[in-house]
Amino acid sequence: MNKFNTLKITSVITVVSILLSACGKDKRSTGWEYAPNMYEHIAYDPDQANTNFKDGKTAQVPPVGTTPIGFVRFDYPNTKDGYEKASLEVVNKYIADKKNLADGKILFEHFCSPCHGIQGQGDGLVVQHGYPAPPSYSKGTSSRGGAMKDLTDGKIYHTITYGLNAMGSYASQLAPDERWKVVLYIHQLQKI
């Protein structure tokens, strides 16, 4: 018998044995498992009991004082004193170049203009529907005292982070670097 016939017979036997092994009695069987760790994971689920910890829980609270990766602390309390302290100590590290101002403008238009208006004059869509108008950045007076055109980086950042009066916090919508870009753009609106 030549090598070609041996190869054909071996191939036919292999294919037939694969087909026969796939036709078992258990109709629910998926056959041979390839990389079973893809769907039979060995990791614990967060709500699953876990004997590796004293309290028996898998989901653990992080140790006190730890900071998640990428999280930026803003250690000024949500009080008038925290607002005033932020005004004196917090300074924007971003420069007012074309890119940062363009990014700040886009973020402002998406998140802030519904109330503050496109030009920051306090005439957004929400105001047109009967809600109280926020003060104008260039002409208004802050509810915490002083002219809106004189708001510092720290005061604006503190307000975006915690909210003030009818304005809620935007800390969950805007990352710290995005808030700083909005602060840059608000400074441009203060000049109008």
Protein backbone atom coordinates (compact mmCIF):
# COMPACT_ATOMS: atom_id res chain seq x y z
CA MET A 1 0.00 0.00 0.00
CA ASN A 2 1.36 3.38 -0.84
CA LYS A 3 1.65 6.38 1.47
CA PHE A 4 -1.25 8.21 -0.22
CA ASN A 5 -3.73 5.38 0.51
CA THR A 6 -2.53 5.14 4.11
CA LEU A 7 -3.11 8.86 4.55
CA LYS A 8 -6.63 8.60 3.07
CA ILE A 9 -7.58 5.69 5.30
CA THR A 10 -6.21 7.44 8.41
CA SER A 11 -8.11 10.61 7.55
CA VAL A 12 -11.39 8.75 6.99
CA ILE A 13 -11.03 6.83 10.26
CA THR A 14 -10.29 10.08 12.15
CA VAL A 15 -13.31 11.88 10.69
CA VAL A 16 -15.63 8.91 11.33
CA SER A 17 -14.44 8.56 14.93
CA ILE A 18 -14.98 12.29 15.56
CA LEU A 19 -18.48 12.13 14.13
CA LEU A 20 -19.36 9.00 16.13
CA SER A 21 -18.01 10.47 19.37
CA ALA A 22 -20.15 13.59 18.83
CA CYS A 23 -23.32 11.50 18.57
CA GLY A 24 -23.65 10.37 22.16
CA LYS A 25 -26.73 9.57 24.24
CA ASP A 26 -26.67 12.88 26.13
CA LYS A 27 -28.29 15.40 23.78
CA ARG A 28 -27.44 18.31 26.10
CA SER A 29 -23.70 17.64 25.98
CA THR A 30 -21.61 20.16 24.09
CA GLY A 31 -18.93 17.60 23.37
CA TRP A 32 -15.30 18.11 24.12
CA GLU A 33 -14.47 21.23 26.10
CA TYR A 34 -11.93 23.60 24.66
CA ALA A 35 -10.57 26.04 27.27
CA PRO A 36 -13.16 25.30 29.98
CA ASN A 37 -11.71 28.06 32.18
CA MET A 38 -13.42 30.50 29.82
CA TYR A 39 -16.84 29.67 31.26
CA GLU A 40 -16.07 27.71 34.43
CA HIS A 41 -14.19 30.42 36.28
CA ILE A 42 -12.41 29.75 39.53
CA ALA A 43 -12.75 33.28 40.88
CA TYR A 44 -15.27 34.03 43.58
CA ASP A 45 -18.36 36.06 42.75
CA PRO A 46 -18.69 39.24 44.86
CA ASP A 47 -21.83 37.98 46.63
CA GLN A 48 -20.44 34.47 47.21
CA ALA A 49 -19.27 33.21 50.60
CA ASN A 50 -15.50 33.08 50.91
CA THR A 51 -13.58 31.19 53.58
CA ASN A 52 -10.38 33.15 52.85
CA PHE A 53 -11.60 36.11 54.91
CA LYS A 54 -12.51 36.29 58.59
CA ASP A 55 -15.97 37.72 57.94
CA GLY A 56 -16.66 35.13 55.21
CA LYS A 57 -17.47 37.73 52.54
CA THR A 58 -15.83 37.98 49.13
CA ALA A 59 -16.56 41.69 48.60
CA GLN A 60 -14.29 43.51 51.01
CA VAL A 61 -14.14 47.19 51.89
CA PRO A 62 -10.78 48.72 50.89
CA PRO A 63 -8.36 49.49 53.72
CA VAL A 64 -8.73 52.91 55.32
CA GLY A 65 -6.73 55.63 53.56
CA THR A 66 -6.36 53.86 50.23
CA THR A 67 -6.95 55.70 46.99
CA PRO A 68 -8.28 53.91 43.91
CA ILE A 69 -6.12 54.06 40.79
CA GLY A 70 -6.94 57.16 38.78
CA PHE A 71 -8.93 58.79 41.61
CA VAL A 72 -7.97 62.38 42.40
CA ARG A 73 -8.67 63.56 45.92
CA PHE A 74 -10.32 66.91 46.55
CA ASP A 75 -9.86 67.38 50.27
CA TYR A 76 -12.06 70.41 50.75
CA PRO A 77 -15.33 69.84 52.60
CA ASN A 78 -18.71 70.74 51.14
CA THR A 79 -19.07 73.77 53.43
CA LYS A 80 -18.73 77.53 53.09
CA ASP A 81 -15.34 77.26 54.82
CA GLY A 82 -14.27 74.55 52.36
CA TYR A 83 -15.44 76.77 49.50
CA GLU A 84 -13.40 79.74 50.80
CA LYS A 85 -10.34 77.57 51.50
CA ALA A 86 -10.52 76.10 47.98
CA SER A 87 -10.71 79.66 46.64
CA LEU A 88 -7.39 80.51 48.25
CA GLU A 89 -5.49 77.24 47.73
CA VAL A 90 -6.77 75.49 44.60
CA VAL A 91 -5.22 76.55 41.30
CA ASN A 92 -5.87 75.10 37.86
CA LYS A 93 -2.82 73.22 36.56
CA TYR A 94 -4.14 73.24 32.98
CA ILE A 95 -3.07 76.04 30.66
CA ALA A 96 -5.62 77.92 28.61
CA ASP A 97 -4.45 76.71 25.20
CA LYS A 98 -6.67 76.11 22.17
CA LYS A 99 -7.18 72.39 22.84
CA ASN A 100 -8.11 72.74 26.53
CA LEU A 101 -10.46 75.65 25.81
CA ALA A 102 -12.10 73.72 22.95
CA ASP A 103 -12.56 70.70 25.22
CA GLY A 104 -13.91 72.95 27.98
CA LYS A 105 -16.36 74.56 25.57
CA ILE A 106 -17.73 71.19 24.43
CA LEU A 107 -18.09 69.99 28.03
CA PHE A 108 -19.72 73.26 29.09
CA GLU A 109 -22.20 73.13 26.20
CA HIS A 110 -23.16 69.54 27.03
CA PHE A 111 -23.36 69.73 30.81
CA CYS A 112 -23.69 73.38 31.86
CA SER A 113 -25.48 75.28 29.10
CA PRO A 114 -28.94 73.77 29.76
CA CYS A 115 -29.06 76.01 32.84
CA HIS A 116 -26.30 78.60 32.36
CA GLY A 117 -26.88 79.20 28.63
CA ILE A 118 -24.39 78.96 25.78
CA GLN A 119 -22.74 82.28 26.71
CA GLY A 120 -23.01 81.76 30.49
CA GLN A 121 -25.61 84.47 30.92
CA GLY A 122 -28.04 82.30 32.95
CA ASP A 123 -30.53 81.96 30.11
CA GLY A 124 -30.48 78.22 29.33
CA LEU A 125 -33.37 75.99 28.29
CA VAL A 126 -34.21 75.10 31.88
CA VAL A 127 -34.81 78.77 32.65
CA GLN A 128 -37.13 79.05 29.64
CA HIS A 129 -39.23 76.29 31.21
CA GLY A 130 -39.79 78.25 34.41
CA TYR A 131 -36.90 77.27 36.67
CA PRO A 132 -34.92 79.95 38.51
CA ALA A 133 -32.07 81.45 36.48
CA PRO A 134 -28.49 81.00 37.67
CA PRO A 135 -26.48 84.21 37.81
CA SER A 136 -24.59 85.41 34.72
CA TYR A 137 -20.85 84.69 34.79
CA SER A 138 -20.01 88.18 33.57
CA LYS A 139 -22.68 90.32 35.26
CA GLY A 140 -24.20 88.31 38.12
CA THR A 141 -23.55 88.11 41.83
CA SER A 142 -22.68 84.84 43.59
CA SER A 143 -25.03 83.58 46.29
CA ARG A 144 -21.95 83.24 48.51
CA GLY A 145 -20.97 86.85 47.93
CA GLY A 146 -18.92 88.65 45.31
CA ALA A 147 -19.24 89.08 41.57
CA MET A 148 -19.43 85.99 39.38
CA LYS A 149 -16.76 87.48 37.10
CA ASP A 150 -14.33 87.33 40.05
CA LEU A 151 -14.83 83.63 40.86
CA THR A 152 -11.49 81.85 41.30
CA ASP A 153 -10.44 78.44 39.99
CA GLY A 154 -11.03 76.90 43.41
CA LYS A 155 -14.53 78.34 43.83
CA ILE A 156 -15.66 77.16 40.39
CA TYR A 157 -14.10 73.71 40.83
CA HIS A 158 -15.63 73.37 44.32
CA THR A 159 -19.07 74.29 42.94
CA ILE A 160 -18.82 71.82 40.05
CA THR A 161 -17.66 69.10 42.45
CA TYR A 162 -20.28 69.60 45.19
CA GLY A 163 -22.99 71.74 43.62
CA LEU A 164 -24.53 74.87 45.10
CA ASN A 165 -28.14 75.90 45.73
CA ALA A 166 -30.30 74.39 42.94
CA MET A 167 -27.23 73.11 41.09
CA GLY A 168 -26.34 69.53 41.91
CA SER A 169 -22.90 67.98 41.93
CA TYR A 170 -21.34 67.14 38.58
CA ALA A 171 -18.55 65.04 40.09
CA SER A 172 -20.06 61.85 38.67
CA GLN A 173 -20.52 63.34 35.19
CA LEU A 174 -17.21 65.19 34.81
CA ALA A 175 -13.82 63.69 35.66
CA PRO A 176 -11.40 65.99 37.51
CA ASP A 177 -9.46 66.87 34.33
CA GLU A 178 -12.74 67.65 32.54
CA ARG A 179 -13.83 69.92 35.43
CA TRP A 180 -10.56 71.83 35.10
CA LYS A 181 -11.18 72.36 31.38
CA VAL A 182 -14.68 73.64 32.15
CA VAL A 183 -13.12 76.04 34.68
CA LEU A 184 -10.82 77.37 31.93
CA TYR A 185 -13.79 77.92 29.64
CA ILE A 186 -15.87 79.60 32.37
CA HIS A 187 -13.04 82.10 32.83
CA GLN A 188 -13.50 82.97 29.13
CA LEU A 189 -17.22 83.47 29.69
CA GLN A 190 -16.53 85.75 32.66
CA LYS A 191 -14.95 88.21 30.21
CA ILE A 192 -18.04 88.52 27.97
